[in-house]
Amino acid sequence: MNPFLNQIASPDTIELLAKFFDAASKSVKRVNYNSETLEAFDLIQAISCYRYFPSVDECIEAFPSLDSDRNKVKYIWEQFDKLTPKQLSDIYISSLNKLTFNEDLVA
């Protein structure tokens, strides 16, 4: 399981996030990794991590595979720091709208 999900206390939240990211991955695959959809998925993941982890180091601790991209992660955090919560939410919602989920996610 994703280390990000392991750090969340509520089993219900873990299940919901696991379902969400699984459905989002399927959405990206369904459109044959269309660049706009892939970018939306990446933004959703990045914003989710930014909101959950207070620092770049904690994010990389949860996702060790990002260590080689530490400078990129730091840059993304710096850009997100410049946005208001509303702007960040608007980007998140806009990105969600670019993904097509099947009904299993909400069932």
PDB file of N, CA and C in Angstrom:
ATOM      1  N   MET A   1       0.848  -1.195   0.000  1.00  0.00           N
ATOM      2  CA  MET A   1       0.000   0.000   0.000  1.00  0.00           C
ATOM      3  C   MET A   1       0.886   1.247   0.000  1.00  0.00           C
ATOM      4  N   ASN A   2       0.371   2.281  -0.540  1.00  0.00           N
ATOM      5  CA  ASN A   2       1.056   3.565  -0.630  1.00  0.00           C
ATOM      6  C   ASN A   2       1.416   4.070   0.772  1.00  0.00           C
ATOM      7  N   PRO A   3       2.671   4.491   1.015  1.00  0.00           N
ATOM      8  CA  PRO A   3       3.069   4.958   2.351  1.00  0.00           C
ATOM      9  C   PRO A   3       2.290   6.183   2.811  1.00  0.00           C
ATOM     10  N   PHE A   4       1.835   6.996   1.878  1.00  0.00           N
ATOM     11  CA  PHE A   4       1.010   8.157   2.211  1.00  0.00           C
ATOM     12  C   PHE A   4      -0.251   7.698   2.932  1.00  0.00           C
ATOM     13  N   LEU A   5      -0.869   6.645   2.415  1.00  0.00           N
ATOM     14  CA  LEU A   5      -2.102   6.145   3.015  1.00  0.00           C
ATOM     15  C   LEU A   5      -1.854   5.512   4.377  1.00  0.00           C
ATOM     16  N   ASN A   6      -0.687   4.893   4.550  1.00  0.00           N
ATOM     17  CA  ASN A   6      -0.375   4.255   5.828  1.00  0.00           C
ATOM     18  C   ASN A   6      -0.274   5.251   6.978  1.00  0.00           C
ATOM     19  N   GLN A   7      -0.018   6.523   6.677  1.00  0.00           N
ATOM     20  CA  GLN A   7       0.150   7.523   7.725  1.00  0.00           C
ATOM     21  C   GLN A   7      -1.169   8.145   8.171  1.00  0.00           C
ATOM     22  N   ILE A   8      -2.239   7.801   7.527  1.00  0.00           N
ATOM     23  CA  ILE A   8      -3.541   8.359   7.868  1.00  0.00           C
ATOM     24  C   ILE A   8      -4.207   7.421   8.868  1.00  0.00           C
ATOM     25  N   ALA A   9      -4.667   7.970   9.968  1.00  0.00           N
ATOM     26  CA  ALA A   9      -5.145   7.147  11.077  1.00  0.00           C
ATOM     27  C   ALA A   9      -6.436   6.390  10.782  1.00  0.00           C
ATOM     28  N   SER A  10      -7.390   7.019  10.151  1.00  0.00           N
ATOM     29  CA  SER A  10      -8.707   6.423   9.984  1.00  0.00           C
ATOM     30  C   SER A  10      -8.722   5.348   8.894  1.00  0.00           C
ATOM     31  N   PRO A  11      -9.131   4.120   9.235  1.00  0.00           N
ATOM     32  CA  PRO A  11      -9.249   3.070   8.220  1.00  0.00           C
ATOM     33  C   PRO A  11     -10.231   3.448   7.102  1.00  0.00           C
ATOM     34  N   ASP A  12     -11.289   4.168   7.450  1.00  0.00           N
ATOM     35  CA  ASP A  12     -12.251   4.599   6.430  1.00  0.00           C
ATOM     36  C   ASP A  12     -11.613   5.581   5.451  1.00  0.00           C
ATOM     37  N   THR A  13     -10.790   6.479   5.979  1.00  0.00           N
ATOM     38  CA  THR A  13     -10.099   7.441   5.120  1.00  0.00           C
ATOM     39  C   THR A  13      -9.103   6.722   4.222  1.00  0.00           C
ATOM     40  N   ILE A  14      -8.391   5.758   4.774  1.00  0.00           N
ATOM     41  CA  ILE A  14      -7.439   4.974   3.985  1.00  0.00           C
ATOM     42  C   ILE A  14      -8.165   4.278   2.838  1.00  0.00           C
ATOM     43  N   GLU A  15      -9.291   3.658   3.144  1.00  0.00           N
ATOM     44  CA  GLU A  15     -10.057   2.949   2.111  1.00  0.00           C
ATOM     45  C   GLU A  15     -10.543   3.914   1.031  1.00  0.00           C
ATOM     46  N   LEU A  16     -11.041   5.064   1.446  1.00  0.00           N
ATOM     47  CA  LEU A  16     -11.542   6.049   0.491  1.00  0.00           C
ATOM     48  C   LEU A  16     -10.422   6.567  -0.415  1.00  0.00           C
ATOM     49  N   LEU A  17      -9.279   6.914   0.175  1.00  0.00           N
ATOM     50  CA  LEU A  17      -8.155   7.402  -0.623  1.00  0.00           C
ATOM     51  C   LEU A  17      -7.619   6.325  -1.556  1.00  0.00           C
ATOM     52  N   ALA A  18      -7.547   5.101  -1.079  1.00  0.00           N
ATOM     53  CA  ALA A  18      -7.076   4.004  -1.930  1.00  0.00           C
ATOM     54  C   ALA A  18      -8.011   3.829  -3.125  1.00  0.00           C
ATOM     55  N   LYS A  19      -9.325   3.869  -2.877  1.00  0.00           N
ATOM     56  CA  LYS A  19     -10.305   3.762  -3.966  1.00  0.00           C
ATOM     57  C   LYS A  19     -10.160   4.926  -4.937  1.00  0.00           C
ATOM     58  N   PHE A  20      -9.988   6.124  -4.389  1.00  0.00           N
ATOM     59  CA  PHE A  20      -9.876   7.307  -5.233  1.00  0.00           C
ATOM     60  C   PHE A  20      -8.661   7.222  -6.149  1.00  0.00           C
ATOM     61  N   PHE A  21      -7.479   6.947  -5.579  1.00  0.00           N
ATOM     62  CA  PHE A  21      -6.273   6.918  -6.400  1.00  0.00           C
ATOM     63  C   PHE A  21      -6.282   5.746  -7.377  1.00  0.00           C
ATOM     64  N   ASP A  22      -6.907   4.645  -7.003  1.00  0.00           N
ATOM     65  CA  ASP A  22      -7.052   3.528  -7.934  1.00  0.00           C
ATOM     66  C   ASP A  22      -7.948   3.933  -9.107  1.00  0.00           C
ATOM     67  N   ALA A  23      -9.068   4.567  -8.798  1.00  0.00           N
ATOM     68  CA  ALA A  23      -9.990   5.018  -9.853  1.00  0.00           C
ATOM     69  C   ALA A  23      -9.342   6.085 -10.732  1.00  0.00           C
ATOM     70  N   ALA A  24      -8.577   6.979 -10.131  1.00  0.00           N
ATOM     71  CA  ALA A  24      -7.896   8.022 -10.907  1.00  0.00           C
ATOM     72  C   ALA A  24      -6.853   7.402 -11.834  1.00  0.00           C
ATOM     73  N   SER A  25      -6.137   6.404 -11.354  1.00  0.00           N
ATOM     74  CA  SER A  25      -5.156   5.708 -12.197  1.00  0.00           C
ATOM     75  C   SER A  25      -5.839   5.036 -13.382  1.00  0.00           C
ATOM     76  N   LYS A  26      -6.980   4.415 -13.128  1.00  0.00           N
ATOM     77  CA  LYS A  26      -7.738   3.773 -14.212  1.00  0.00           C
ATOM     78  C   LYS A  26      -8.217   4.811 -15.220  1.00  0.00           C
ATOM     79  N   SER A  27      -8.590   5.983 -14.733  1.00  0.00           N
ATOM     80  CA  SER A  27      -9.037   7.055 -15.623  1.00  0.00           C
ATOM     81  C   SER A  27      -7.912   7.471 -16.567  1.00  0.00           C
ATOM     82  N   VAL A  28      -6.714   7.591 -16.031  1.00  0.00           N
ATOM     83  CA  VAL A  28      -5.557   7.974 -16.845  1.00  0.00           C
ATOM     84  C   VAL A  28      -5.269   6.888 -17.887  1.00  0.00           C
ATOM     85  N   LYS A  29      -5.338   5.631 -17.472  1.00  0.00           N
ATOM     86  CA  LYS A  29      -5.084   4.521 -18.399  1.00  0.00           C
ATOM     87  C   LYS A  29      -6.148   4.453 -19.491  1.00  0.00           C
ATOM     88  N   ARG A  30      -7.403   4.729 -19.122  1.00  0.00           N
ATOM     89  CA  ARG A  30      -8.514   4.654 -20.082  1.00  0.00           C
ATOM     90  C   ARG A  30      -8.322   5.601 -21.259  1.00  0.00           C
ATOM     91  N   VAL A  31      -7.709   6.730 -21.019  1.00  0.00           N
ATOM     92  CA  VAL A  31      -7.493   7.701 -22.102  1.00  0.00           C
ATOM     93  C   VAL A  31      -6.069   7.579 -22.662  1.00  0.00           C
ATOM     94  N   ASN A  32      -5.476   6.403 -22.443  1.00  0.00           N
ATOM     95  CA  ASN A  32      -4.162   6.088 -23.001  1.00  0.00           C
ATOM     96  C   ASN A  32      -3.104   7.125 -22.609  1.00  0.00           C
ATOM     97  N   TYR A  33      -3.127   7.503 -21.349  1.00  0.00           N
ATOM     98  CA  TYR A  33      -2.134   8.414 -20.781  1.00  0.00           C
ATOM     99  C   TYR A  33      -2.095   9.762 -21.505  1.00  0.00           C
ATOM    100  N   ASN A  34      -3.259  10.242 -21.871  1.00  0.00           N
ATOM    101  CA  ASN A  34      -3.389  11.568 -22.479  1.00  0.00           C
ATOM    102  C   ASN A  34      -2.664  12.578 -21.594  1.00  0.00           C
ATOM    103  N   SER A  35      -1.881  13.460 -22.209  1.00  0.00           N
ATOM    104  CA  SER A  35      -1.021  14.360 -21.428  1.00  0.00           C
ATOM    105  C   SER A  35      -1.815  15.282 -20.500  1.00  0.00           C
ATOM    106  N   GLU A  36      -2.974  15.761 -20.942  1.00  0.00           N
ATOM    107  CA  GLU A  36      -3.781  16.646 -20.094  1.00  0.00           C
ATOM    108  C   GLU A  36      -4.327  15.889 -18.880  1.00  0.00           C
ATOM    109  N   THR A  37      -4.763  14.665 -19.098  1.00  0.00           N
ATOM    110  CA  THR A  37      -5.289  13.848 -18.003  1.00  0.00           C
ATOM    111  C   THR A  37      -4.171  13.457 -17.048  1.00  0.00           C
ATOM    112  N   LEU A  38      -3.029  13.115 -17.599  1.00  0.00           N
ATOM    113  CA  LEU A  38      -1.881  12.749 -16.770  1.00  0.00           C
ATOM    114  C   LEU A  38      -1.425  13.933 -15.916  1.00  0.00           C
ATOM    115  N   GLU A  39      -1.407  15.119 -16.509  1.00  0.00           N
ATOM    116  CA  GLU A  39      -1.046  16.328 -15.763  1.00  0.00           C
ATOM    117  C   GLU A  39      -2.051  16.581 -14.634  1.00  0.00           C
ATOM    118  N   ALA A  40      -3.332  16.386 -14.918  1.00  0.00           N
ATOM    119  CA  ALA A  40      -4.364  16.577 -13.893  1.00  0.00           C
ATOM    120  C   ALA A  40      -4.150  15.607 -12.735  1.00  0.00           C
ATOM    121  N   PHE A  41      -3.868  14.354 -13.058  1.00  0.00           N
ATOM    122  CA  PHE A  41      -3.631  13.342 -12.032  1.00  0.00           C
ATOM    123  C   PHE A  41      -2.400  13.704 -11.196  1.00  0.00           C
ATOM    124  N   ASP A  42      -1.334  14.131 -11.863  1.00  0.00           N
ATOM    125  CA  ASP A  42      -0.120  14.537 -11.141  1.00  0.00           C
ATOM    126  C   ASP A  42      -0.394  15.715 -10.204  1.00  0.00           C
ATOM    127  N   LEU A  43      -1.176  16.681 -10.675  1.00  0.00           N
ATOM    128  CA  LEU A  43      -1.521  17.836  -9.830  1.00  0.00           C
ATOM    129  C   LEU A  43      -2.337  17.411  -8.615  1.00  0.00           C
ATOM    130  N   ILE A  44      -3.279  16.513  -8.816  1.00  0.00           N
ATOM    131  CA  ILE A  44      -4.097  16.018  -7.703  1.00  0.00           C
ATOM    132  C   ILE A  44      -3.203  15.359  -6.657  1.00  0.00           C
ATOM    133  N   GLN A  45      -2.283  14.514  -7.109  1.00  0.00           N
ATOM    134  CA  GLN A  45      -1.372  13.856  -6.172  1.00  0.00           C
ATOM    135  C   GLN A  45      -0.472  14.874  -5.465  1.00  0.00           C
ATOM    136  N   ALA A  46       0.061  15.823  -6.224  1.00  0.00           N
ATOM    137  CA  ALA A  46       0.961  16.821  -5.636  1.00  0.00           C
ATOM    138  C   ALA A  46       0.240  17.682  -4.603  1.00  0.00           C
ATOM    139  N   ILE A  47      -0.955  18.135  -4.937  1.00  0.00           N
ATOM    140  CA  ILE A  47      -1.716  18.969  -3.997  1.00  0.00           C
ATOM    141  C   ILE A  47      -2.106  18.164  -2.764  1.00  0.00           C
ATOM    142  N   SER A  48      -2.483  16.910  -2.954  1.00  0.00           N
ATOM    143  CA  SER A  48      -2.827  16.052  -1.811  1.00  0.00           C
ATOM    144  C   SER A  48      -1.634  15.925  -0.869  1.00  0.00           C
ATOM    145  N   CYS A  49      -0.458  15.689  -1.426  1.00  0.00           N
ATOM    146  CA  CYS A  49       0.751  15.575  -0.599  1.00  0.00           C
ATOM    147  C   CYS A  49       1.081  16.900   0.075  1.00  0.00           C
ATOM    148  N   TYR A  50       0.971  17.981  -0.677  1.00  0.00           N
ATOM    149  CA  TYR A  50       1.265  19.307  -0.128  1.00  0.00           C
ATOM    150  C   TYR A  50       0.359  19.608   1.066  1.00  0.00           C
ATOM    151  N   ARG A  51      -0.890  19.252   0.943  1.00  0.00           N
ATOM    152  CA  ARG A  51      -1.837  19.530   2.033  1.00  0.00           C
ATOM    153  C   ARG A  51      -1.612  18.618   3.229  1.00  0.00           C
ATOM    154  N   TYR A  52      -1.168  17.401   2.980  1.00  0.00           N
ATOM    155  CA  TYR A  52      -1.017  16.449   4.072  1.00  0.00           C
ATOM    156  C   TYR A  52       0.330  16.582   4.782  1.00  0.00           C
ATOM    157  N   PHE A  53       1.396  16.757   4.016  1.00  0.00           N
ATOM    158  CA  PHE A  53       2.735  16.802   4.604  1.00  0.00           C
ATOM    159  C   PHE A  53       3.182  18.249   4.780  1.00  0.00           C
ATOM    160  N   PRO A  54       3.557  18.629   6.004  1.00  0.00           N
ATOM    161  CA  PRO A  54       3.944  20.011   6.269  1.00  0.00           C
ATOM    162  C   PRO A  54       5.273  20.415   5.626  1.00  0.00           C
ATOM    163  N   SER A  55       6.076  19.439   5.207  1.00  0.00           N
ATOM    164  CA  SER A  55       7.379  19.796   4.636  1.00  0.00           C
ATOM    165  C   SER A  55       7.742  18.859   3.487  1.00  0.00           C
ATOM    166  N   VAL A  56       8.668  19.330   2.676  1.00  0.00           N
ATOM    167  CA  VAL A  56       9.191  18.519   1.574  1.00  0.00           C
ATOM    168  C   VAL A  56       9.828  17.249   2.130  1.00  0.00           C
ATOM    169  N   ASP A  57      10.580  17.387   3.224  1.00  0.00           N
ATOM    170  CA  ASP A  57      11.258  16.226   3.814  1.00  0.00           C
ATOM    171  C   ASP A  57      10.270  15.140   4.229  1.00  0.00           C
ATOM    172  N   GLU A  58       9.146  15.543   4.818  1.00  0.00           N
ATOM    173  CA  GLU A  58       8.147  14.553   5.233  1.00  0.00           C
ATOM    174  C   GLU A  58       7.501  13.880   4.027  1.00  0.00           C
ATOM    175  N   CYS A  59       7.299  14.637   2.968  1.00  0.00           N
ATOM    176  CA  CYS A  59       6.750  14.067   1.740  1.00  0.00           C
ATOM    177  C   CYS A  59       7.712  13.023   1.175  1.00  0.00           C
ATOM    178  N   ILE A  60       8.981  13.370   1.126  1.00  0.00           N
ATOM    179  CA  ILE A  60       9.978  12.452   0.568  1.00  0.00           C
ATOM    180  C   ILE A  60      10.182  11.246   1.479  1.00  0.00           C
ATOM    181  N   GLU A  61      10.031  11.442   2.772  1.00  0.00           N
ATOM    182  CA  GLU A  61      10.106  10.310   3.695  1.00  0.00           C
ATOM    183  C   GLU A  61       8.982   9.315   3.398  1.00  0.00           C
ATOM    184  N   ALA A  62       7.802   9.828   3.084  1.00  0.00           N
ATOM    185  CA  ALA A  62       6.665   8.960   2.758  1.00  0.00           C
ATOM    186  C   ALA A  62       6.807   8.346   1.370  1.00  0.00           C
ATOM    187  N   PHE A  63       7.467   9.065   0.470  1.00  0.00           N
ATOM    188  CA  PHE A  63       7.653   8.607  -0.911  1.00  0.00           C
ATOM    189  C   PHE A  63       9.139   8.650  -1.264  1.00  0.00           C
ATOM    190  N   PRO A  64       9.912   7.680  -0.776  1.00  0.00           N
ATOM    191  CA  PRO A  64      11.363   7.687  -0.995  1.00  0.00           C
ATOM    192  C   PRO A  64      11.770   7.756  -2.472  1.00  0.00           C
ATOM    193  N   SER A  65      10.917   7.309  -3.358  1.00  0.00           N
ATOM    194  CA  SER A  65      11.256   7.352  -4.788  1.00  0.00           C
ATOM    195  C   SER A  65      11.398   8.790  -5.295  1.00  0.00           C
ATOM    196  N   LEU A  66      10.886   9.758  -4.530  1.00  0.00           N
ATOM    197  CA  LEU A  66      10.995  11.164  -4.923  1.00  0.00           C
ATOM    198  C   LEU A  66      12.334  11.791  -4.532  1.00  0.00           C
ATOM    199  N   ASP A  67      13.151  11.051  -3.794  1.00  0.00           N
ATOM    200  CA  ASP A  67      14.395  11.633  -3.293  1.00  0.00           C
ATOM    201  C   ASP A  67      15.275  12.183  -4.418  1.00  0.00           C
ATOM    202  N   SER A  68      15.330  11.488  -5.528  1.00  0.00           N
ATOM    203  CA  SER A  68      16.161  11.970  -6.642  1.00  0.00           C
ATOM    204  C   SER A  68      15.577  13.229  -7.289  1.00  0.00           C
ATOM    205  N   ASP A  69      14.303  13.498  -7.013  1.00  0.00           N
ATOM    206  CA  ASP A  69      13.635  14.695  -7.540  1.00  0.00           C
ATOM    207  C   ASP A  69      13.366  15.725  -6.447  1.00  0.00           C
ATOM    208  N   ARG A  70      14.158  15.684  -5.398  1.00  0.00           N
ATOM    209  CA  ARG A  70      13.946  16.570  -4.245  1.00  0.00           C
ATOM    210  C   ARG A  70      13.819  18.039  -4.665  1.00  0.00           C
ATOM    211  N   ASN A  71      14.666  18.493  -5.572  1.00  0.00           N
ATOM    212  CA  ASN A  71      14.609  19.899  -5.995  1.00  0.00           C
ATOM    213  C   ASN A  71      13.300  20.218  -6.709  1.00  0.00           C
ATOM    214  N   LYS A  72      12.790  19.268  -7.479  1.00  0.00           N
ATOM    215  CA  LYS A  72      11.501  19.471  -8.151  1.00  0.00           C
ATOM    216  C   LYS A  72      10.372  19.560  -7.129  1.00  0.00           C
ATOM    217  N   VAL A  73      10.418  18.665  -6.141  1.00  0.00           N
ATOM    218  CA  VAL A  73       9.382  18.673  -5.097  1.00  0.00           C
ATOM    219  C   VAL A  73       9.440  19.993  -4.334  1.00  0.00           C
ATOM    220  N   LYS A  74      10.642  20.426  -4.013  1.00  0.00           N
ATOM    221  CA  LYS A  74      10.816  21.700  -3.297  1.00  0.00           C
ATOM    222  C   LYS A  74      10.257  22.854  -4.129  1.00  0.00           C
ATOM    223  N   TYR A  75      10.523  22.844  -5.423  1.00  0.00           N
ATOM    224  CA  TYR A  75      10.013  23.892  -6.311  1.00  0.00           C
ATOM    225  C   TYR A  75       8.477  23.881  -6.331  1.00  0.00           C
ATOM    226  N   ILE A  76       7.895  22.703  -6.418  1.00  0.00           N
ATOM    227  CA  ILE A  76       6.427  22.588  -6.419  1.00  0.00           C
ATOM    228  C   ILE A  76       5.860  23.139  -5.116  1.00  0.00           C
ATOM    229  N   TRP A  77       6.477  22.784  -3.986  1.00  0.00           N
ATOM    230  CA  TRP A  77       6.023  23.297  -2.679  1.00  0.00           C
ATOM    231  C   TRP A  77       6.092  24.825  -2.655  1.00  0.00           C
ATOM    232  N   GLU A  78       7.180  25.379  -3.175  1.00  0.00           N
ATOM    233  CA  GLU A  78       7.335  26.841  -3.197  1.00  0.00           C
ATOM    234  C   GLU A  78       6.240  27.495  -4.040  1.00  0.00           C
ATOM    235  N   GLN A  79       5.892  26.869  -5.151  1.00  0.00           N
ATOM    236  CA  GLN A  79       4.831  27.421  -6.000  1.00  0.00           C
ATOM    237  C   GLN A  79       3.478  27.329  -5.294  1.00  0.00           C
ATOM    238  N   PHE A  80       3.219  26.204  -4.657  1.00  0.00           N
ATOM    239  CA  PHE A  80       1.962  26.041  -3.921  1.00  0.00           C
ATOM    240  C   PHE A  80       1.877  27.021  -2.752  1.00  0.00           C
ATOM    241  N   ASP A  81       3.019  27.317  -2.116  1.00  0.00           N
ATOM    242  CA  ASP A  81       3.043  28.277  -1.004  1.00  0.00           C
ATOM    243  C   ASP A  81       2.567  29.663  -1.429  1.00  0.00           C
ATOM    244  N   LYS A  82       2.720  29.990  -2.696  1.00  0.00           N
ATOM    245  CA  LYS A  82       2.324  31.304  -3.216  1.00  0.00           C
ATOM    246  C   LYS A  82       0.819  31.408  -3.470  1.00  0.00           C
ATOM    247  N   LEU A  83       0.131  30.282  -3.443  1.00  0.00           N
ATOM    248  CA  LEU A  83      -1.298  30.268  -3.751  1.00  0.00           C
ATOM    249  C   LEU A  83      -2.136  30.368  -2.483  1.00  0.00           C
ATOM    250  N   THR A  84      -3.306  30.946  -2.621  1.00  0.00           N
ATOM    251  CA  THR A  84      -4.253  30.962  -1.506  1.00  0.00           C
ATOM    252  C   THR A  84      -4.912  29.583  -1.430  1.00  0.00           C
ATOM    253  N   PRO A  85      -5.501  29.248  -0.282  1.00  0.00           N
ATOM    254  CA  PRO A  85      -6.227  27.979  -0.200  1.00  0.00           C
ATOM    255  C   PRO A  85      -7.316  27.857  -1.280  1.00  0.00           C
ATOM    256  N   LYS A  86      -7.978  28.967  -1.590  1.00  0.00           N
ATOM    257  CA  LYS A  86      -9.014  28.929  -2.624  1.00  0.00           C
ATOM    258  C   LYS A  86      -8.410  28.623  -3.991  1.00  0.00           C
ATOM    259  N   GLN A  87      -7.290  29.260  -4.318  1.00  0.00           N
ATOM    260  CA  GLN A  87      -6.644  28.999  -5.608  1.00  0.00           C
ATOM    261  C   GLN A  87      -6.212  27.535  -5.716  1.00  0.00           C
ATOM    262  N   LEU A  88      -5.658  27.021  -4.637  1.00  0.00           N
ATOM    263  CA  LEU A  88      -5.228  25.629  -4.623  1.00  0.00           C
ATOM    264  C   LEU A  88      -6.426  24.694  -4.798  1.00  0.00           C
ATOM    265  N   SER A  89      -7.512  25.008  -4.114  1.00  0.00           N
ATOM    266  CA  SER A  89      -8.733  24.205  -4.250  1.00  0.00           C
ATOM    267  C   SER A  89      -9.296  24.280  -5.663  1.00  0.00           C
ATOM    268  N   ASP A  90      -9.257  25.458  -6.256  1.00  0.00           N
ATOM    269  CA  ASP A  90      -9.754  25.612  -7.629  1.00  0.00           C
ATOM    270  C   ASP A  90      -8.941  24.761  -8.606  1.00  0.00           C
ATOM    271  N   ILE A  91      -7.629  24.725  -8.429  1.00  0.00           N
ATOM    272  CA  ILE A  91      -6.773  23.897  -9.284  1.00  0.00           C
ATOM    273  C   ILE A  91      -7.107  22.426  -9.077  1.00  0.00           C
ATOM    274  N   TYR A  92      -7.300  22.038  -7.823  1.00  0.00           N
ATOM    275  CA  TYR A  92      -7.625  20.650  -7.495  1.00  0.00           C
ATOM    276  C   TYR A  92      -8.942  20.245  -8.157  1.00  0.00           C
ATOM    277  N   ILE A  93      -9.955  21.084  -8.000  1.00  0.00           N
ATOM    278  CA  ILE A  93     -11.274  20.788  -8.569  1.00  0.00           C
ATOM    279  C   ILE A  93     -11.208  20.762 -10.094  1.00  0.00           C
ATOM    280  N   SER A  94     -10.501  21.701 -10.680  1.00  0.00           N
ATOM    281  CA  SER A  94     -10.337  21.727 -12.131  1.00  0.00           C
ATOM    282  C   SER A  94      -9.654  20.446 -12.614  1.00  0.00           C
ATOM    283  N   SER A  95      -8.662  19.999 -11.876  1.00  0.00           N
ATOM    284  CA  SER A  95      -7.963  18.762 -12.230  1.00  0.00           C
ATOM    285  C   SER A  95      -8.882  17.557 -12.097  1.00  0.00           C
ATOM    286  N   LEU A  96      -9.677  17.535 -11.041  1.00  0.00           N
ATOM    287  CA  LEU A  96     -10.639  16.438 -10.869  1.00  0.00           C
ATOM    288  C   LEU A  96     -11.604  16.359 -12.045  1.00  0.00           C
ATOM    289  N   ASN A  97     -12.015  17.508 -12.545  1.00  0.00           N
ATOM    290  CA  ASN A  97     -12.967  17.547 -13.656  1.00  0.00           C
ATOM    291  C   ASN A  97     -12.385  16.994 -14.952  1.00  0.00           C
ATOM    292  N   LYS A  98     -11.074  16.873 -15.028  1.00  0.00           N
ATOM    293  CA  LYS A  98     -10.431  16.333 -16.232  1.00  0.00           C
ATOM    294  C   LYS A  98     -10.341  14.812 -16.206  1.00  0.00           C
ATOM    295  N   LEU A  99     -10.677  14.218 -15.062  1.00  0.00           N
ATOM    296  CA  LEU A  99     -10.655  12.765 -14.937  1.00  0.00           C
ATOM    297  C   LEU A  99     -12.072  12.223 -15.068  1.00  0.00           C
ATOM    298  N   THR A 100     -12.178  11.037 -15.627  1.00  0.00           N
ATOM    299  CA  THR A 100     -13.475  10.387 -15.770  1.00  0.00           C
ATOM    300  C   THR A 100     -13.487   9.165 -14.864  1.00  0.00           C
ATOM    301  N   PHE A 101     -14.330   9.210 -13.853  1.00  0.00           N
ATOM    302  CA  PHE A 101     -14.417   8.104 -12.906  1.00  0.00           C
ATOM    303  C   PHE A 101     -15.619   7.235 -13.237  1.00  0.00           C
ATOM    304  N   ASN A 102     -15.453   5.930 -12.985  1.00  0.00           N
ATOM    305  CA  ASN A 102     -16.623   5.073 -13.134  1.00  0.00           C
ATOM    306  C   ASN A 102     -17.432   5.148 -11.844  1.00  0.00           C
ATOM    307  N   GLU A 103     -18.608   4.611 -11.869  1.00  0.00           N
ATOM    308  CA  GLU A 103     -19.513   4.743 -10.722  1.00  0.00           C
ATOM    309  C   GLU A 103     -19.080   3.924  -9.518  1.00  0.00           C
ATOM    310  N   ASP A 104     -18.133   3.009  -9.692  1.00  0.00           N
ATOM    311  CA  ASP A 104     -17.664   2.205  -8.567  1.00  0.00           C
ATOM    312  C   ASP A 104     -17.058   3.058  -7.463  1.00  0.00           C
ATOM    313  N   LEU A 105     -16.511   4.199  -7.830  1.00  0.00           N
ATOM    314  CA  LEU A 105     -15.872   5.066  -6.841  1.00  0.00           C
ATOM    315  C   LEU A 105     -16.872   5.600  -5.833  1.00  0.00           C
ATOM    316  N   VAL A 106     -18.062   5.902  -6.270  1.00  0.00           N
ATOM    317  CA  VAL A 106     -19.054   6.491  -5.376  1.00  0.00           C
ATOM    318  C   VAL A 106     -20.027   5.464  -4.821  1.00  0.00           C
ATOM    319  N   ALA A 107     -19.876   4.229  -5.217  1.00  0.00           N
ATOM    320  CA  ALA A 107     -20.805   3.188  -4.753  1.00  0.00           C
ATOM    321  C   ALA A 107     -20.484   2.752  -3.348  1.00  0.00           C
TER     322      ALA A 107
END
